[in-house]
Amino acid sequence: MSTKYIICDRNVVGLLLLLHEREEVITSELIIVNSNYSLVRPVADKMLHAGILESRPSDKHCTKTYWRMTDKGQDIANLLFQAERQLSKTRFSEKYYKW
């Protein structure tokens, strides 16, 4: 049986780790996660509706939107960051990058 895990979606993980690092980004910076904006934006919208991300329009530019994590999103991102840090400390990381 094949199970699709949310964590397998690189856009979800990428958004969480990007916002963990930067705290807040504008919509145009979402392409840092995936150069195909049309794949990232729907994921960001789903995360917004799930209460993981929040967005707000810019006070100065009506076309800019700022994205940041909610407390729930921050908790998830912290766990992902800890997992990444643990994996990078192991021999697995040495073998992983030699493949």
N, C-alpha and C. Protein backbone atom coordinates (compact mmCIF):
# COMPACT_ATOMS: atom_id res chain seq x y z
N MET A 1 0.84 -1.17 0.00
CA MET A 1 0.00 0.00 0.00
C MET A 1 0.90 1.25 0.00
N SER A 2 0.61 2.13 -0.90
CA SER A 2 1.39 3.36 -1.02
C SER A 2 0.67 4.50 -0.30
N THR A 3 1.37 5.12 0.63
CA THR A 3 0.80 6.24 1.38
C THR A 3 1.52 7.51 0.97
N LYS A 4 0.75 8.54 0.70
CA LYS A 4 1.36 9.83 0.37
C LYS A 4 1.43 10.66 1.63
N TYR A 5 2.62 10.97 2.05
CA TYR A 5 2.82 11.80 3.23
C TYR A 5 2.92 13.27 2.81
N ILE A 6 2.37 14.13 3.61
CA ILE A 6 2.44 15.56 3.33
C ILE A 6 3.89 16.02 3.31
N ILE A 7 4.69 15.44 4.17
CA ILE A 7 6.10 15.83 4.27
C ILE A 7 6.87 15.50 2.99
N CYS A 8 6.31 14.66 2.14
CA CYS A 8 6.96 14.34 0.86
C CYS A 8 6.80 15.47 -0.16
N ASP A 9 5.91 16.39 0.09
CA ASP A 9 5.72 17.52 -0.82
C ASP A 9 6.80 18.56 -0.55
N ARG A 10 7.74 18.68 -1.46
CA ARG A 10 8.87 19.58 -1.26
C ARG A 10 8.44 21.03 -1.09
N ASN A 11 7.28 21.39 -1.63
CA ASN A 11 6.81 22.76 -1.49
C ASN A 11 6.38 23.05 -0.05
N VAL A 12 5.77 22.08 0.60
CA VAL A 12 5.36 22.25 2.00
C VAL A 12 6.60 22.39 2.88
N VAL A 13 7.51 21.47 2.74
CA VAL A 13 8.73 21.49 3.55
C VAL A 13 9.54 22.74 3.24
N GLY A 14 9.66 23.07 1.97
CA GLY A 14 10.42 24.25 1.58
C GLY A 14 9.84 25.53 2.15
N LEU A 15 8.52 25.68 2.11
CA LEU A 15 7.89 26.87 2.68
C LEU A 15 8.13 26.96 4.17
N LEU A 16 7.98 25.84 4.86
CA LEU A 16 8.18 25.84 6.31
C LEU A 16 9.62 26.20 6.68
N LEU A 17 10.58 25.62 5.98
CA LEU A 17 11.97 25.90 6.30
C LEU A 17 12.39 27.31 5.87
N LEU A 18 11.86 27.78 4.75
CA LEU A 18 12.14 29.16 4.33
C LEU A 18 11.63 30.16 5.36
N LEU A 19 10.40 29.96 5.81
CA LEU A 19 9.83 30.88 6.79
C LEU A 19 10.43 30.69 8.18
N HIS A 20 10.95 29.53 8.46
CA HIS A 20 11.67 29.31 9.71
C HIS A 20 12.95 30.16 9.71
N GLU A 21 13.57 30.22 8.54
CA GLU A 21 14.82 30.97 8.40
C GLU A 21 14.59 32.48 8.29
N ARG A 22 13.59 32.88 7.53
CA ARG A 22 13.42 34.31 7.22
C ARG A 22 12.31 35.01 8.00
N GLU A 23 11.43 34.29 8.60
CA GLU A 23 10.32 34.81 9.38
C GLU A 23 9.18 35.35 8.52
N GLU A 24 9.49 36.14 7.48
CA GLU A 24 8.45 36.70 6.63
C GLU A 24 9.01 36.89 5.22
N VAL A 25 8.18 36.57 4.21
CA VAL A 25 8.58 36.76 2.81
C VAL A 25 7.42 37.40 2.05
N ILE A 26 7.75 38.00 0.91
CA ILE A 26 6.70 38.49 0.04
C ILE A 26 6.38 37.42 -0.99
N THR A 27 5.22 37.53 -1.60
CA THR A 27 4.75 36.50 -2.51
C THR A 27 5.77 36.17 -3.60
N SER A 28 6.42 37.17 -4.15
CA SER A 28 7.38 36.91 -5.24
C SER A 28 8.57 36.07 -4.77
N GLU A 29 8.84 36.03 -3.48
CA GLU A 29 9.95 35.23 -2.95
C GLU A 29 9.58 33.75 -2.79
N LEU A 30 8.35 33.40 -3.02
CA LEU A 30 7.95 31.99 -2.92
C LEU A 30 8.68 31.13 -3.95
N ILE A 31 9.19 31.76 -5.01
CA ILE A 31 9.92 30.98 -6.02
C ILE A 31 11.25 30.46 -5.50
N ILE A 32 11.66 30.91 -4.33
CA ILE A 32 12.87 30.35 -3.71
C ILE A 32 12.66 28.87 -3.43
N VAL A 33 11.44 28.50 -3.09
CA VAL A 33 11.09 27.12 -2.77
C VAL A 33 11.03 26.27 -4.03
N ASN A 34 10.44 26.81 -5.06
CA ASN A 34 10.28 26.10 -6.33
C ASN A 34 10.17 27.14 -7.42
N SER A 35 10.99 27.04 -8.43
CA SER A 35 10.98 28.05 -9.48
C SER A 35 9.66 28.10 -10.24
N ASN A 36 8.86 27.07 -10.10
CA ASN A 36 7.54 27.04 -10.72
C ASN A 36 6.52 27.60 -9.72
N TYR A 37 6.28 28.88 -9.80
CA TYR A 37 5.39 29.59 -8.88
C TYR A 37 4.00 28.96 -8.84
N SER A 38 3.54 28.46 -9.97
CA SER A 38 2.18 27.89 -10.02
C SER A 38 2.06 26.60 -9.21
N LEU A 39 3.17 26.03 -8.78
CA LEU A 39 3.12 24.87 -7.89
C LEU A 39 3.21 25.27 -6.42
N VAL A 40 3.87 26.38 -6.15
CA VAL A 40 4.07 26.82 -4.76
C VAL A 40 2.85 27.57 -4.23
N ARG A 41 2.28 28.44 -5.00
CA ARG A 41 1.20 29.30 -4.51
C ARG A 41 -0.01 28.50 -4.02
N PRO A 42 -0.48 27.48 -4.75
CA PRO A 42 -1.61 26.70 -4.23
C PRO A 42 -1.30 26.03 -2.90
N VAL A 43 -0.05 25.59 -2.71
CA VAL A 43 0.34 24.96 -1.45
C VAL A 43 0.31 26.00 -0.33
N ALA A 44 0.81 27.19 -0.63
CA ALA A 44 0.79 28.27 0.36
C ALA A 44 -0.66 28.60 0.75
N ASP A 45 -1.55 28.63 -0.23
CA ASP A 45 -2.96 28.90 0.05
C ASP A 45 -3.58 27.80 0.93
N LYS A 46 -3.25 26.55 0.65
CA LYS A 46 -3.76 25.45 1.48
C LYS A 46 -3.24 25.55 2.91
N MET A 47 -1.97 25.91 3.04
CA MET A 47 -1.39 26.06 4.37
C MET A 47 -2.00 27.26 5.10
N LEU A 48 -2.37 28.27 4.35
CA LEU A 48 -3.06 29.43 4.91
C LEU A 48 -4.41 29.01 5.49
N HIS A 49 -5.17 28.25 4.70
CA HIS A 49 -6.49 27.81 5.14
C HIS A 49 -6.42 26.78 6.26
N ALA A 50 -5.29 26.09 6.38
CA ALA A 50 -5.11 25.11 7.46
C ALA A 50 -4.62 25.76 8.75
N GLY A 51 -4.32 27.05 8.69
CA GLY A 51 -3.87 27.74 9.89
C GLY A 51 -2.38 27.60 10.17
N ILE A 52 -1.63 27.21 9.15
CA ILE A 52 -0.19 27.04 9.31
C ILE A 52 0.55 28.32 8.91
N LEU A 53 0.03 28.98 7.89
CA LEU A 53 0.59 30.25 7.43
C LEU A 53 -0.46 31.34 7.58
N GLU A 54 0.00 32.58 7.58
CA GLU A 54 -0.89 33.72 7.52
C GLU A 54 -0.32 34.71 6.52
N SER A 55 -1.18 35.50 5.95
CA SER A 55 -0.73 36.50 4.98
C SER A 55 -1.39 37.83 5.30
N ARG A 56 -0.71 38.89 4.86
CA ARG A 56 -1.26 40.23 5.03
C ARG A 56 -0.80 41.08 3.86
N PRO A 57 -1.67 41.97 3.39
CA PRO A 57 -1.26 42.85 2.30
C PRO A 57 -0.30 43.92 2.81
N SER A 58 0.53 44.41 1.92
CA SER A 58 1.46 45.49 2.26
C SER A 58 0.69 46.79 2.45
N ASP A 59 1.14 47.58 3.40
CA ASP A 59 0.54 48.89 3.62
C ASP A 59 0.86 49.86 2.49
N LYS A 60 2.03 49.68 1.87
CA LYS A 60 2.51 50.63 0.87
C LYS A 60 2.21 50.22 -0.57
N HIS A 61 2.23 48.92 -0.83
CA HIS A 61 2.04 48.43 -2.21
C HIS A 61 0.87 47.46 -2.24
N CYS A 62 -0.16 47.83 -2.96
CA CYS A 62 -1.37 46.99 -2.97
C CYS A 62 -1.15 45.64 -3.65
N THR A 63 -0.08 45.49 -4.41
CA THR A 63 0.15 44.22 -5.09
C THR A 63 1.05 43.27 -4.29
N LYS A 64 1.62 43.73 -3.18
CA LYS A 64 2.49 42.88 -2.36
C LYS A 64 1.72 42.24 -1.22
N THR A 65 2.03 40.97 -0.99
CA THR A 65 1.47 40.25 0.14
C THR A 65 2.62 39.64 0.92
N TYR A 66 2.55 39.76 2.23
CA TYR A 66 3.56 39.19 3.12
C TYR A 66 3.04 37.88 3.70
N TRP A 67 3.91 36.88 3.77
CA TRP A 67 3.59 35.56 4.31
C TRP A 67 4.46 35.31 5.53
N ARG A 68 3.85 34.72 6.56
CA ARG A 68 4.60 34.31 7.75
C ARG A 68 3.88 33.10 8.36
N MET A 69 4.55 32.44 9.29
CA MET A 69 3.96 31.26 9.94
C MET A 69 3.15 31.68 11.15
N THR A 70 2.13 30.88 11.43
CA THR A 70 1.40 31.02 12.67
C THR A 70 2.17 30.26 13.74
N ASP A 71 1.69 30.28 14.96
CA ASP A 71 2.34 29.51 16.02
C ASP A 71 2.33 28.02 15.69
N LYS A 72 1.24 27.55 15.12
CA LYS A 72 1.15 26.13 14.73
C LYS A 72 2.20 25.82 13.66
N GLY A 73 2.35 26.70 12.69
CA GLY A 73 3.35 26.52 11.64
C GLY A 73 4.76 26.55 12.20
N GLN A 74 4.98 27.43 13.16
CA GLN A 74 6.30 27.53 13.79
C GLN A 74 6.65 26.25 14.53
N ASP A 75 5.67 25.66 15.21
CA ASP A 75 5.91 24.39 15.91
C ASP A 75 6.32 23.30 14.93
N ILE A 76 5.62 23.23 13.80
CA ILE A 76 5.93 22.22 12.78
C ILE A 76 7.31 22.47 12.19
N ALA A 77 7.60 23.72 11.86
CA ALA A 77 8.90 24.07 11.28
C ALA A 77 10.04 23.77 12.25
N ASN A 78 9.83 24.01 13.52
CA ASN A 78 10.86 23.69 14.51
C ASN A 78 11.17 22.20 14.52
N LEU A 79 10.13 21.37 14.43
CA LEU A 79 10.34 19.92 14.38
C LEU A 79 11.10 19.51 13.13
N LEU A 80 10.74 20.09 11.98
CA LEU A 80 11.46 19.79 10.74
C LEU A 80 12.92 20.22 10.83
N PHE A 81 13.15 21.38 11.39
CA PHE A 81 14.51 21.89 11.52
C PHE A 81 15.33 20.99 12.44
N GLN A 82 14.73 20.53 13.52
CA GLN A 82 15.42 19.61 14.43
C GLN A 82 15.74 18.30 13.73
N ALA A 83 14.81 17.80 12.93
CA ALA A 83 15.04 16.56 12.19
C ALA A 83 16.19 16.74 11.21
N GLU A 84 16.21 17.85 10.50
CA GLU A 84 17.29 18.15 9.57
C GLU A 84 18.63 18.22 10.29
N ARG A 85 18.65 18.88 11.42
CA ARG A 85 19.89 19.02 12.18
C ARG A 85 20.38 17.66 12.67
N GLN A 86 19.47 16.82 13.14
CA GLN A 86 19.86 15.48 13.61
C GLN A 86 20.39 14.63 12.45
N LEU A 87 19.71 14.70 11.31
CA LEU A 87 20.17 13.92 10.16
C LEU A 87 21.55 14.37 9.70
N SER A 88 21.80 15.66 9.73
CA SER A 88 23.09 16.16 9.27
C SER A 88 24.23 15.80 10.23
N LYS A 89 23.92 15.44 11.46
CA LYS A 89 24.94 15.05 12.44
C LYS A 89 25.33 13.59 12.32
N THR A 90 24.60 12.82 11.57
CA THR A 90 24.82 11.37 11.51
C THR A 90 25.70 10.99 10.33
N ARG A 91 26.13 9.75 10.34
CA ARG A 91 26.88 9.21 9.21
C ARG A 91 26.00 9.14 7.97
N PHE A 92 24.69 9.07 8.18
CA PHE A 92 23.76 9.01 7.06
C PHE A 92 23.99 10.17 6.11
N SER A 93 24.22 11.36 6.65
CA SER A 93 24.40 12.53 5.78
C SER A 93 25.65 12.38 4.92
N GLU A 94 26.69 11.78 5.46
CA GLU A 94 27.90 11.55 4.67
C GLU A 94 27.62 10.58 3.54
N LYS A 95 26.89 9.52 3.84
CA LYS A 95 26.58 8.53 2.82
C LYS A 95 25.54 9.05 1.84
N TYR A 96 24.61 9.82 2.33
CA TYR A 96 23.53 10.34 1.48
C TYR A 96 24.08 11.19 0.34
N TYR A 97 25.03 12.04 0.64
CA TYR A 97 25.56 12.95 -0.37
C TYR A 97 26.62 12.32 -1.25
N LYS A 98 27.04 11.08 -0.92
CA LYS A 98 28.01 10.39 -1.76
C LYS A 98 27.33 9.53 -2.82
N TRP A 99 26.05 9.36 -2.78
CA TRP A 99 25.35 8.51 -3.75
C TRP A 99 25.49 9.06 -5.10
